[in-house]
Amino acid sequence: MMRIRKGILLQDPRFAIANREALYTLVLAFLYFAWWYLTAYGLGSSPVEEYSYIAGFPSWFFLSCIAGFIVFSILALLMVVFLFRDMPLEKPAGDGKGRMDHD
């Protein structure tokens, strides 16, 4: 919740946390897209006769679609465990100025 009081914009601290977590998510999504694009188009642009294979798949496909999915799923899990904070969704209890009470 955003409140204006005496000309000063007070912001609920949960928004700062949510914005930071959204930024982490966007960065990870961009990195995943870059990984996928570089491995798919970088390794897959050569003639078919020159392809190398991993587990029966062309290396560009394996690295971009299979390994990339696994790697970035693990990175997303680690991001949630170590970077994201559990926070209440209810209106914060406190002094009425949008500040949260911390442990």
Foldseek 3Di string as FASTA:
>chain_A
DWDADPNDIFDQVVVVLVVVLVVVVVVLVVVLVVQLCCLQCVQVVDDPVPFDDDPRHGRSCCRNPPVSVVVSVVVVVVCCVPPHDDDDPDQADDDPRNYHDDD
